[in-house]
Amino acid sequence: MSEITITSENYENEVIKSDKPVLLDFWAPWCGPCKMMSPVISDLAKELEGKVKVCKVNVDEQEALASQFSVMSIPFLAVMKNGKLSKASAGYMPKDMVLKLLED
């Protein structure tokens, strides 16, 4: 499964009401580190299918969501569990560090 694009319209159903942990990748098309992060996120979406919902939030198009998470720099990864923010991290991370972020 590929990443799910999150907007303010589908945020509640896809993230808040998700029965699985959700990895939110806040990004922008002009962001170099975000471009480096993109293949890592795509790999995780395939690898964790059925276990974790992997989602992308374009900060230019979804300013309200970026503001809600106090995103100051991107890429910004947020892990949501049971509708609540569990962990968050800013900046590029290799795949193994993202997997650690997802651990309990």
PDB file of N, CA and C in Angstrom:
ATOM      1  N   MET A   1       0.847  -1.187   0.000  1.00  0.00           N
ATOM      2  CA  MET A   1       0.000   0.000   0.000  1.00  0.00           C
ATOM      3  C   MET A   1       0.887   1.242   0.000  1.00  0.00           C
ATOM      4  N   SER A   2       0.458   2.252  -0.687  1.00  0.00           N
ATOM      5  CA  SER A   2       1.234   3.479  -0.706  1.00  0.00           C
ATOM      6  C   SER A   2       0.781   4.395   0.432  1.00  0.00           C
ATOM      7  N   GLU A   3       1.499   5.489   0.563  1.00  0.00           N
ATOM      8  CA  GLU A   3       1.172   6.441   1.612  1.00  0.00           C
ATOM      9  C   GLU A   3      -0.185   7.081   1.335  1.00  0.00           C
ATOM     10  N   ILE A   4      -0.836   7.495   2.400  1.00  0.00           N
ATOM     11  CA  ILE A   4      -2.136   8.157   2.301  1.00  0.00           C
ATOM     12  C   ILE A   4      -1.899   9.663   2.431  1.00  0.00           C
ATOM     13  N   THR A   5      -2.446  10.425   1.527  1.00  0.00           N
ATOM     14  CA  THR A   5      -2.334  11.878   1.614  1.00  0.00           C
ATOM     15  C   THR A   5      -3.377  12.387   2.599  1.00  0.00           C
ATOM     16  N   ILE A   6      -2.902  13.118   3.602  1.00  0.00           N
ATOM     17  CA  ILE A   6      -3.794  13.620   4.647  1.00  0.00           C
ATOM     18  C   ILE A   6      -4.127  15.088   4.392  1.00  0.00           C
ATOM     19  N   THR A   7      -5.416  15.393   4.504  1.00  0.00           N
ATOM     20  CA  THR A   7      -5.904  16.764   4.405  1.00  0.00           C
ATOM     21  C   THR A   7      -6.742  17.041   5.650  1.00  0.00           C
ATOM     22  N   SER A   8      -7.141  18.273   5.832  1.00  0.00           N
ATOM     23  CA  SER A   8      -7.997  18.577   6.987  1.00  0.00           C
ATOM     24  C   SER A   8      -9.330  17.838   6.877  1.00  0.00           C
ATOM     25  N   GLU A   9      -9.735  17.509   5.636  1.00  0.00           N
ATOM     26  CA  GLU A   9     -11.007  16.809   5.435  1.00  0.00           C
ATOM     27  C   GLU A   9     -10.952  15.341   5.876  1.00  0.00           C
ATOM     28  N   ASN A  10      -9.832  14.651   5.651  1.00  0.00           N
ATOM     29  CA  ASN A  10      -9.782  13.224   5.989  1.00  0.00           C
ATOM     30  C   ASN A  10      -8.959  12.934   7.249  1.00  0.00           C
ATOM     31  N   TYR A  11      -8.414  13.966   7.884  1.00  0.00           N
ATOM     32  CA  TYR A  11      -7.556  13.797   9.056  1.00  0.00           C
ATOM     33  C   TYR A  11      -8.236  12.991  10.176  1.00  0.00           C
ATOM     34  N   GLU A  12      -9.442  13.368  10.520  1.00  0.00           N
ATOM     35  CA  GLU A  12     -10.114  12.688  11.635  1.00  0.00           C
ATOM     36  C   GLU A  12     -10.320  11.197  11.349  1.00  0.00           C
ATOM     37  N   ASN A  13     -10.848  10.865  10.163  1.00  0.00           N
ATOM     38  CA  ASN A  13     -11.094   9.457   9.835  1.00  0.00           C
ATOM     39  C   ASN A  13      -9.809   8.648   9.681  1.00  0.00           C
ATOM     40  N   GLU A  14      -8.807   9.217   8.994  1.00  0.00           N
ATOM     41  CA  GLU A  14      -7.580   8.468   8.697  1.00  0.00           C
ATOM     42  C   GLU A  14      -6.604   8.415   9.872  1.00  0.00           C
ATOM     43  N   VAL A  15      -6.589   9.462  10.691  1.00  0.00           N
ATOM     44  CA  VAL A  15      -5.589   9.540  11.764  1.00  0.00           C
ATOM     45  C   VAL A  15      -6.211   9.355  13.141  1.00  0.00           C
ATOM     46  N   ILE A  16      -7.125  10.216  13.515  1.00  0.00           N
ATOM     47  CA  ILE A  16      -7.701  10.182  14.869  1.00  0.00           C
ATOM     48  C   ILE A  16      -8.450   8.876  15.124  1.00  0.00           C
ATOM     49  N   LYS A  17      -9.230   8.422  14.149  1.00  0.00           N
ATOM     50  CA  LYS A  17     -10.045   7.212  14.342  1.00  0.00           C
ATOM     51  C   LYS A  17      -9.343   5.932  13.892  1.00  0.00           C
ATOM     52  N   SER A  18      -8.056   6.018  13.551  1.00  0.00           N
ATOM     53  CA  SER A  18      -7.330   4.837  13.073  1.00  0.00           C
ATOM     54  C   SER A  18      -7.173   3.813  14.189  1.00  0.00           C
ATOM     55  N   ASP A  19      -7.384   2.543  13.841  1.00  0.00           N
ATOM     56  CA  ASP A  19      -7.197   1.473  14.826  1.00  0.00           C
ATOM     57  C   ASP A  19      -5.735   1.006  14.852  1.00  0.00           C
ATOM     58  N   LYS A  20      -4.899   1.588  13.998  1.00  0.00           N
ATOM     59  CA  LYS A  20      -3.471   1.260  13.956  1.00  0.00           C
ATOM     60  C   LYS A  20      -2.667   2.522  14.263  1.00  0.00           C
ATOM     61  N   PRO A  21      -1.403   2.351  14.662  1.00  0.00           N
ATOM     62  CA  PRO A  21      -0.545   3.535  14.786  1.00  0.00           C
ATOM     63  C   PRO A  21      -0.436   4.225  13.427  1.00  0.00           C
ATOM     64  N   VAL A  22      -0.255   5.545  13.454  1.00  0.00           N
ATOM     65  CA  VAL A  22      -0.152   6.324  12.226  1.00  0.00           C
ATOM     66  C   VAL A  22       1.178   7.085  12.231  1.00  0.00           C
ATOM     67  N   LEU A  23       1.923   6.957  11.128  1.00  0.00           N
ATOM     68  CA  LEU A  23       3.134   7.747  10.937  1.00  0.00           C
ATOM     69  C   LEU A  23       2.780   8.884   9.987  1.00  0.00           C
ATOM     70  N   LEU A  24       2.876  10.114  10.477  1.00  0.00           N
ATOM     71  CA  LEU A  24       2.602  11.286   9.655  1.00  0.00           C
ATOM     72  C   LEU A  24       3.921  11.902   9.217  1.00  0.00           C
ATOM     73  N   ASP A  25       4.091  12.071   7.924  1.00  0.00           N
ATOM     74  CA  ASP A  25       5.272  12.719   7.366  1.00  0.00           C
ATOM     75  C   ASP A  25       4.863  14.099   6.861  1.00  0.00           C
ATOM     76  N   PHE A  26       5.270  15.134   7.588  1.00  0.00           N
ATOM     77  CA  PHE A  26       5.012  16.508   7.159  1.00  0.00           C
ATOM     78  C   PHE A  26       6.147  16.909   6.230  1.00  0.00           C
ATOM     79  N   TRP A  27       5.797  17.357   5.019  1.00  0.00           N
ATOM     80  CA  TRP A  27       6.797  17.616   3.981  1.00  0.00           C
ATOM     81  C   TRP A  27       6.341  18.756   3.075  1.00  0.00           C
ATOM     82  N   ALA A  28       7.232  19.154   2.154  1.00  0.00           N
ATOM     83  CA  ALA A  28       6.890  20.122   1.107  1.00  0.00           C
ATOM     84  C   ALA A  28       7.708  19.776  -0.136  1.00  0.00           C
ATOM     85  N   PRO A  29       7.161  20.047  -1.327  1.00  0.00           N
ATOM     86  CA  PRO A  29       7.856  19.676  -2.563  1.00  0.00           C
ATOM     87  C   PRO A  29       9.191  20.392  -2.768  1.00  0.00           C
ATOM     88  N   TRP A  30       9.387  21.550  -2.150  1.00  0.00           N
ATOM     89  CA  TRP A  30      10.614  22.329  -2.315  1.00  0.00           C
ATOM     90  C   TRP A  30      11.698  21.954  -1.303  1.00  0.00           C
ATOM     91  N   CYS A  31      11.402  21.052  -0.398  1.00  0.00           N
ATOM     92  CA  CYS A  31      12.300  20.704   0.715  1.00  0.00           C
ATOM     93  C   CYS A  31      13.261  19.565   0.326  1.00  0.00           C
ATOM     94  N   GLY A  32      14.558  19.875   0.272  1.00  0.00           N
ATOM     95  CA  GLY A  32      15.573  18.875  -0.089  1.00  0.00           C
ATOM     96  C   GLY A  32      15.592  17.661   0.835  1.00  0.00           C
ATOM     97  N   PRO A  33      15.695  17.863   2.155  1.00  0.00           N
ATOM     98  CA  PRO A  33      15.686  16.716   3.066  1.00  0.00           C
ATOM     99  C   PRO A  33      14.394  15.889   2.964  1.00  0.00           C
ATOM    100  N   CYS A  34      13.265  16.559   2.631  1.00  0.00           N
ATOM    101  CA  CYS A  34      12.000  15.836   2.450  1.00  0.00           C
ATOM    102  C   CYS A  34      12.105  14.879   1.256  1.00  0.00           C
ATOM    103  N   LYS A  35      12.770  15.343   0.190  1.00  0.00           N
ATOM    104  CA  LYS A  35      12.968  14.495  -0.987  1.00  0.00           C
ATOM    105  C   LYS A  35      13.828  13.289  -0.645  1.00  0.00           C
ATOM    106  N   MET A  36      14.820  13.489   0.238  1.00  0.00           N
ATOM    107  CA  MET A  36      15.661  12.370   0.685  1.00  0.00           C
ATOM    108  C   MET A  36      14.855  11.400   1.551  1.00  0.00           C
ATOM    109  N   MET A  37      13.918  11.931   2.296  1.00  0.00           N
ATOM    110  CA  MET A  37      13.094  11.133   3.216  1.00  0.00           C
ATOM    111  C   MET A  37      12.031  10.324   2.472  1.00  0.00           C
ATOM    112  N   SER A  38      11.598  10.822   1.314  1.00  0.00           N
ATOM    113  CA  SER A  38      10.489  10.219   0.573  1.00  0.00           C
ATOM    114  C   SER A  38      10.651   8.723   0.283  1.00  0.00           C
ATOM    115  N   PRO A  39      11.823   8.255  -0.226  1.00  0.00           N
ATOM    116  CA  PRO A  39      11.940   6.805  -0.469  1.00  0.00           C
ATOM    117  C   PRO A  39      11.890   5.978   0.821  1.00  0.00           C
ATOM    118  N   VAL A  40      12.373   6.547   1.916  1.00  0.00           N
ATOM    119  CA  VAL A  40      12.316   5.860   3.212  1.00  0.00           C
ATOM    120  C   VAL A  40      10.856   5.673   3.622  1.00  0.00           C
ATOM    121  N   ILE A  41      10.067   6.735   3.474  1.00  0.00           N
ATOM    122  CA  ILE A  41       8.645   6.687   3.830  1.00  0.00           C
ATOM    123  C   ILE A  41       7.913   5.688   2.937  1.00  0.00           C
ATOM    124  N   SER A  42       8.221   5.698   1.635  1.00  0.00           N
ATOM    125  CA  SER A  42       7.586   4.753   0.692  1.00  0.00           C
ATOM    126  C   SER A  42       7.905   3.308   1.064  1.00  0.00           C
ATOM    127  N   ASP A  43       9.168   3.037   1.399  1.00  0.00           N
ATOM    128  CA  ASP A  43       9.571   1.685   1.809  1.00  0.00           C
ATOM    129  C   ASP A  43       8.810   1.250   3.052  1.00  0.00           C
ATOM    130  N   LEU A  44       8.712   2.159   4.020  1.00  0.00           N
ATOM    131  CA  LEU A  44       8.013   1.832   5.269  1.00  0.00           C
ATOM    132  C   LEU A  44       6.533   1.569   5.017  1.00  0.00           C
ATOM    133  N   ALA A  45       5.932   2.321   4.108  1.00  0.00           N
ATOM    134  CA  ALA A  45       4.505   2.126   3.794  1.00  0.00           C
ATOM    135  C   ALA A  45       4.277   0.699   3.301  1.00  0.00           C
ATOM    136  N   LYS A  46       5.192   0.194   2.468  1.00  0.00           N
ATOM    137  CA  LYS A  46       5.059  -1.177   1.955  1.00  0.00           C
ATOM    138  C   LYS A  46       5.390  -2.201   3.039  1.00  0.00           C
ATOM    139  N   GLU A  47       6.485  -1.965   3.739  1.00  0.00           N
ATOM    140  CA  GLU A  47       6.972  -2.908   4.743  1.00  0.00           C
ATOM    141  C   GLU A  47       6.021  -3.064   5.932  1.00  0.00           C
ATOM    142  N   LEU A  48       5.388  -1.970   6.328  1.00  0.00           N
ATOM    143  CA  LEU A  48       4.542  -1.980   7.529  1.00  0.00           C
ATOM    144  C   LEU A  48       3.051  -2.076   7.216  1.00  0.00           C
ATOM    145  N   GLU A  49       2.729  -2.373   5.959  1.00  0.00           N
ATOM    146  CA  GLU A  49       1.324  -2.454   5.546  1.00  0.00           C
ATOM    147  C   GLU A  49       0.542  -3.385   6.472  1.00  0.00           C
ATOM    148  N   GLY A  50      -0.605  -2.910   6.930  1.00  0.00           N
ATOM    149  CA  GLY A  50      -1.439  -3.699   7.827  1.00  0.00           C
ATOM    150  C   GLY A  50      -1.091  -3.511   9.291  1.00  0.00           C
ATOM    151  N   LYS A  51       0.113  -2.950   9.581  1.00  0.00           N
ATOM    152  CA  LYS A  51       0.531  -2.737  10.972  1.00  0.00           C
ATOM    153  C   LYS A  51       0.528  -1.264  11.351  1.00  0.00           C
ATOM    154  N   VAL A  52       0.996  -0.432  10.412  1.00  0.00           N
ATOM    155  CA  VAL A  52       1.086   1.012  10.635  1.00  0.00           C
ATOM    156  C   VAL A  52       0.540   1.717   9.409  1.00  0.00           C
ATOM    157  N   LYS A  53      -0.244   2.757   9.630  1.00  0.00           N
ATOM    158  CA  LYS A  53      -0.747   3.564   8.522  1.00  0.00           C
ATOM    159  C   LYS A  53       0.279   4.673   8.270  1.00  0.00           C
ATOM    160  N   VAL A  54       0.803   4.731   7.053  1.00  0.00           N
ATOM    161  CA  VAL A  54       1.815   5.732   6.709  1.00  0.00           C
ATOM    162  C   VAL A  54       1.160   6.830   5.876  1.00  0.00           C
ATOM    163  N   CYS A  55       1.274   8.060   6.374  1.00  0.00           N
ATOM    164  CA  CYS A  55       0.569   9.182   5.760  1.00  0.00           C
ATOM    165  C   CYS A  55       1.503  10.357   5.506  1.00  0.00           C
ATOM    166  N   LYS A  56       1.158  11.149   4.492  1.00  0.00           N
ATOM    167  CA  LYS A  56       1.934  12.335   4.148  1.00  0.00           C
ATOM    168  C   LYS A  56       1.050  13.576   4.248  1.00  0.00           C
ATOM    169  N   VAL A  57       1.638  14.648   4.792  1.00  0.00           N
ATOM    170  CA  VAL A  57       0.938  15.920   4.929  1.00  0.00           C
ATOM    171  C   VAL A  57       1.795  17.001   4.262  1.00  0.00           C
ATOM    172  N   ASN A  58       1.282  17.583   3.178  1.00  0.00           N
ATOM    173  CA  ASN A  58       1.978  18.672   2.502  1.00  0.00           C
ATOM    174  C   ASN A  58       1.734  19.945   3.315  1.00  0.00           C
ATOM    175  N   VAL A  59       2.799  20.490   3.914  1.00  0.00           N
ATOM    176  CA  VAL A  59       2.627  21.638   4.812  1.00  0.00           C
ATOM    177  C   VAL A  59       2.184  22.909   4.080  1.00  0.00           C
ATOM    178  N   ASP A  60       2.499  23.006   2.781  1.00  0.00           N
ATOM    179  CA  ASP A  60       2.056  24.177   2.009  1.00  0.00           C
ATOM    180  C   ASP A  60       0.550  24.143   1.781  1.00  0.00           C
ATOM    181  N   GLU A  61       0.002  22.946   1.606  1.00  0.00           N
ATOM    182  CA  GLU A  61      -1.429  22.802   1.329  1.00  0.00           C
ATOM    183  C   GLU A  61      -2.257  22.631   2.599  1.00  0.00           C
ATOM    184  N   GLN A  62      -1.630  22.176   3.676  1.00  0.00           N
ATOM    185  CA  GLN A  62      -2.351  21.881   4.920  1.00  0.00           C
ATOM    186  C   GLN A  62      -1.735  22.663   6.083  1.00  0.00           C
ATOM    187  N   GLU A  63      -1.765  23.973   5.964  1.00  0.00           N
ATOM    188  CA  GLU A  63      -1.140  24.832   6.977  1.00  0.00           C
ATOM    189  C   GLU A  63      -1.759  24.650   8.361  1.00  0.00           C
ATOM    190  N   ALA A  64      -3.062  24.435   8.414  1.00  0.00           N
ATOM    191  CA  ALA A  64      -3.739  24.276   9.712  1.00  0.00           C
ATOM    192  C   ALA A  64      -3.235  23.026  10.439  1.00  0.00           C
ATOM    193  N   LEU A  65      -3.048  21.927   9.708  1.00  0.00           N
ATOM    194  CA  LEU A  65      -2.537  20.704  10.339  1.00  0.00           C
ATOM    195  C   LEU A  65      -1.085  20.895  10.780  1.00  0.00           C
ATOM    196  N   ALA A  66      -0.273  21.539   9.952  1.00  0.00           N
ATOM    197  CA  ALA A  66       1.119  21.799  10.324  1.00  0.00           C
ATOM    198  C   ALA A  66       1.163  22.657  11.591  1.00  0.00           C
ATOM    199  N   SER A  67       0.282  23.626  11.669  1.00  0.00           N
ATOM    200  CA  SER A  67       0.208  24.499  12.838  1.00  0.00           C
ATOM    201  C   SER A  67      -0.252  23.721  14.073  1.00  0.00           C
ATOM    202  N   GLN A  68      -1.213  22.843  13.882  1.00  0.00           N
ATOM    203  CA  GLN A  68      -1.744  22.021  14.979  1.00  0.00           C
ATOM    204  C   GLN A  68      -0.633  21.182  15.623  1.00  0.00           C
ATOM    205  N   PHE A  69       0.337  20.736  14.804  1.00  0.00           N
ATOM    206  CA  PHE A  69       1.450  19.927  15.293  1.00  0.00           C
ATOM    207  C   PHE A  69       2.684  20.771  15.610  1.00  0.00           C
ATOM    208  N   SER A  70       2.545  22.093  15.538  1.00  0.00           N
ATOM    209  CA  SER A  70       3.653  23.027  15.790  1.00  0.00           C
ATOM    210  C   SER A  70       4.886  22.689  14.952  1.00  0.00           C
ATOM    211  N   VAL A  71       4.663  22.382  13.681  1.00  0.00           N
ATOM    212  CA  VAL A  71       5.765  22.040  12.788  1.00  0.00           C
ATOM    213  C   VAL A  71       6.553  23.309  12.484  1.00  0.00           C
ATOM    214  N   MET A  72       7.831  23.295  12.870  1.00  0.00           N
ATOM    215  CA  MET A  72       8.711  24.441  12.630  1.00  0.00           C
ATOM    216  C   MET A  72       9.730  24.141  11.541  1.00  0.00           C
ATOM    217  N   SER A  73      10.092  22.863  11.392  1.00  0.00           N
ATOM    218  CA  SER A  73      11.024  22.474  10.339  1.00  0.00           C
ATOM    219  C   SER A  73      10.590  21.126   9.783  1.00  0.00           C
ATOM    220  N   ILE A  74      10.899  20.913   8.521  1.00  0.00           N
ATOM    221  CA  ILE A  74      10.516  19.676   7.848  1.00  0.00           C
ATOM    222  C   ILE A  74      11.749  19.033   7.240  1.00  0.00           C
ATOM    223  N   PRO A  75      11.744  17.726   7.024  1.00  0.00           N
ATOM    224  CA  PRO A  75      10.641  16.821   7.323  1.00  0.00           C
ATOM    225  C   PRO A  75      10.403  16.711   8.825  1.00  0.00           C
ATOM    226  N   PHE A  76       9.145  16.523   9.162  1.00  0.00           N
ATOM    227  CA  PHE A  76       8.720  16.361  10.551  1.00  0.00           C
ATOM    228  C   PHE A  76       7.880  15.104  10.605  1.00  0.00           C
ATOM    229  N   LEU A  77       8.291  14.147  11.426  1.00  0.00           N
ATOM    230  CA  LEU A  77       7.551  12.888  11.559  1.00  0.00           C
ATOM    231  C   LEU A  77       6.836  12.867  12.894  1.00  0.00           C
ATOM    232  N   ALA A  78       5.564  12.492  12.859  1.00  0.00           N
ATOM    233  CA  ALA A  78       4.769  12.374  14.079  1.00  0.00           C
ATOM    234  C   ALA A  78       4.146  10.985  14.112  1.00  0.00           C
ATOM    235  N   VAL A  79       4.205  10.349  15.271  1.00  0.00           N
ATOM    236  CA  VAL A  79       3.589   9.040  15.460  1.00  0.00           C
ATOM    237  C   VAL A  79       2.344   9.237  16.320  1.00  0.00           C
ATOM    238  N   MET A  80       1.212   8.818  15.771  1.00  0.00           N
ATOM    239  CA  MET A  80      -0.064   8.929  16.475  1.00  0.00           C
ATOM    240  C   MET A  80      -0.524   7.537  16.890  1.00  0.00           C
ATOM    241  N   LYS A  81      -0.909   7.405  18.146  1.00  0.00           N
ATOM    242  CA  LYS A  81      -1.461   6.138  18.641  1.00  0.00           C
ATOM    243  C   LYS A  81      -2.743   6.451  19.390  1.00  0.00           C
ATOM    244  N   ASN A  82      -3.810   5.760  19.022  1.00  0.00           N
ATOM    245  CA  ASN A  82      -5.124   5.975  19.645  1.00  0.00           C
ATOM    246  C   ASN A  82      -5.549   7.436  19.582  1.00  0.00           C
ATOM    247  N   GLY A  83      -5.251   8.085  18.451  1.00  0.00           N
ATOM    248  CA  GLY A  83      -5.682   9.458  18.248  1.00  0.00           C
ATOM    249  C   GLY A  83      -4.861  10.509  18.957  1.00  0.00           C
ATOM    250  N   LYS A  84      -3.763  10.082  19.626  1.00  0.00           N
ATOM    251  CA  LYS A  84      -2.937  11.027  20.373  1.00  0.00           C
ATOM    252  C   LYS A  84      -1.491  10.982  19.878  1.00  0.00           C
ATOM    253  N   LEU A  85      -0.829  12.129  19.955  1.00  0.00           N
ATOM    254  CA  LEU A  85       0.570  12.194  19.562  1.00  0.00           C
ATOM    255  C   LEU A  85       1.408  11.367  20.531  1.00  0.00           C
ATOM    256  N   SER A  86       2.155  10.418  19.996  1.00  0.00           N
ATOM    257  CA  SER A  86       2.994   9.552  20.813  1.00  0.00           C
ATOM    258  C   SER A  86       4.442  10.033  20.805  1.00  0.00           C
ATOM    259  N   LYS A  87       4.980  10.257  19.609  1.00  0.00           N
ATOM    260  CA  LYS A  87       6.365  10.722  19.459  1.00  0.00           C
ATOM    261  C   LYS A  87       6.447  11.591  18.222  1.00  0.00           C
ATOM    262  N   ALA A  88       7.482  12.437  18.187  1.00  0.00           N
ATOM    263  CA  ALA A  88       7.700  13.284  17.009  1.00  0.00           C
ATOM    264  C   ALA A  88       9.186  13.576  16.871  1.00  0.00           C
ATOM    265  N   SER A  89       9.603  13.835  15.632  1.00  0.00           N
ATOM    266  CA  SER A  89      10.996  14.149  15.368  1.00  0.00           C
ATOM    267  C   SER A  89      11.106  14.965  14.090  1.00  0.00           C
ATOM    268  N   ALA A  90      12.010  15.933  14.079  1.00  0.00           N
ATOM    269  CA  ALA A  90      12.224  16.760  12.891  1.00  0.00           C
ATOM    270  C   ALA A  90      13.560  16.412  12.255  1.00  0.00           C
ATOM    271  N   GLY A  91      13.629  16.569  10.938  1.00  0.00           N
ATOM    272  CA  GLY A  91      14.865  16.328  10.206  1.00  0.00           C
ATOM    273  C   GLY A  91      14.894  14.959   9.560  1.00  0.00           C
ATOM    274  N   TYR A  92      15.835  14.805   8.625  1.00  0.00           N
ATOM    275  CA  TYR A  92      15.983  13.521   7.928  1.00  0.00           C
ATOM    276  C   TYR A  92      16.401  12.437   8.910  1.00  0.00           C
ATOM    277  N   MET A  93      15.849  11.243   8.732  1.00  0.00           N
ATOM    278  CA  MET A  93      16.227  10.082   9.540  1.00  0.00           C
ATOM    279  C   MET A  93      16.340   8.868   8.640  1.00  0.00           C
ATOM    280  N   PRO A  94      17.366   8.040   8.860  1.00  0.00           N
ATOM    281  CA  PRO A  94      17.409   6.781   8.117  1.00  0.00           C
ATOM    282  C   PRO A  94      16.286   5.857   8.596  1.00  0.00           C
ATOM    283  N   LYS A  95      16.012   4.850   7.797  1.00  0.00           N
ATOM    284  CA  LYS A  95      14.889   3.940   8.048  1.00  0.00           C
ATOM    285  C   LYS A  95      14.929   3.313   9.446  1.00  0.00           C
ATOM    286  N   ASP A  96      16.096   2.883   9.895  1.00  0.00           N
ATOM    287  CA  ASP A  96      16.177   2.225  11.210  1.00  0.00           C
ATOM    288  C   ASP A  96      15.782   3.173  12.343  1.00  0.00           C
ATOM    289  N   MET A  97      16.096   4.454  12.200  1.00  0.00           N
ATOM    290  CA  MET A  97      15.696   5.429  13.228  1.00  0.00           C
ATOM    291  C   MET A  97      14.186   5.675  13.206  1.00  0.00           C
ATOM    292  N   VAL A  98      13.609   5.662  12.013  1.00  0.00           N
ATOM    293  CA  VAL A  98      12.142   5.832  11.910  1.00  0.00           C
ATOM    294  C   VAL A  98      11.453   4.637  12.559  1.00  0.00           C
ATOM    295  N   LEU A  99      11.995   3.452  12.325  1.00  0.00           N
ATOM    296  CA  LEU A  99      11.417   2.235  12.938  1.00  0.00           C
ATOM    297  C   LEU A  99      11.496   2.320  14.460  1.00  0.00           C
ATOM    298  N   LYS A 100      12.599   2.860  15.001  1.00  0.00           N
ATOM    299  CA  LYS A 100      12.732   3.042  16.455  1.00  0.00           C
ATOM    300  C   LYS A 100      11.682   4.021  16.966  1.00  0.00           C
ATOM    301  N   LEU A 101      11.409   5.061  16.174  1.00  0.00           N
ATOM    302  CA  LEU A 101      10.398   6.053  16.548  1.00  0.00           C
ATOM    303  C   LEU A 101       9.019   5.394  16.680  1.00  0.00           C
ATOM    304  N   LEU A 102       8.785   4.366  15.856  1.00  0.00           N
ATOM    305  CA  LEU A 102       7.496   3.676  15.868  1.00  0.00           C
ATOM    306  C   LEU A 102       7.347   2.664  17.000  1.00  0.00           C
ATOM    307  N   GLU A 103       8.469   2.281  17.608  1.00  0.00           N
ATOM    308  CA  GLU A 103       8.411   1.295  18.696  1.00  0.00           C
ATOM    309  C   GLU A 103       7.763   1.899  19.930  1.00  0.00           C
ATOM    310  N   ASP A 104       7.152   1.022  20.738  1.00  0.00           N
ATOM    311  CA  ASP A 104       6.529   1.487  21.995  1.00  0.00           C
ATOM    312  C   ASP A 104       7.582   1.891  22.995  1.00  0.00           C
TER     313      ASP A 104
END
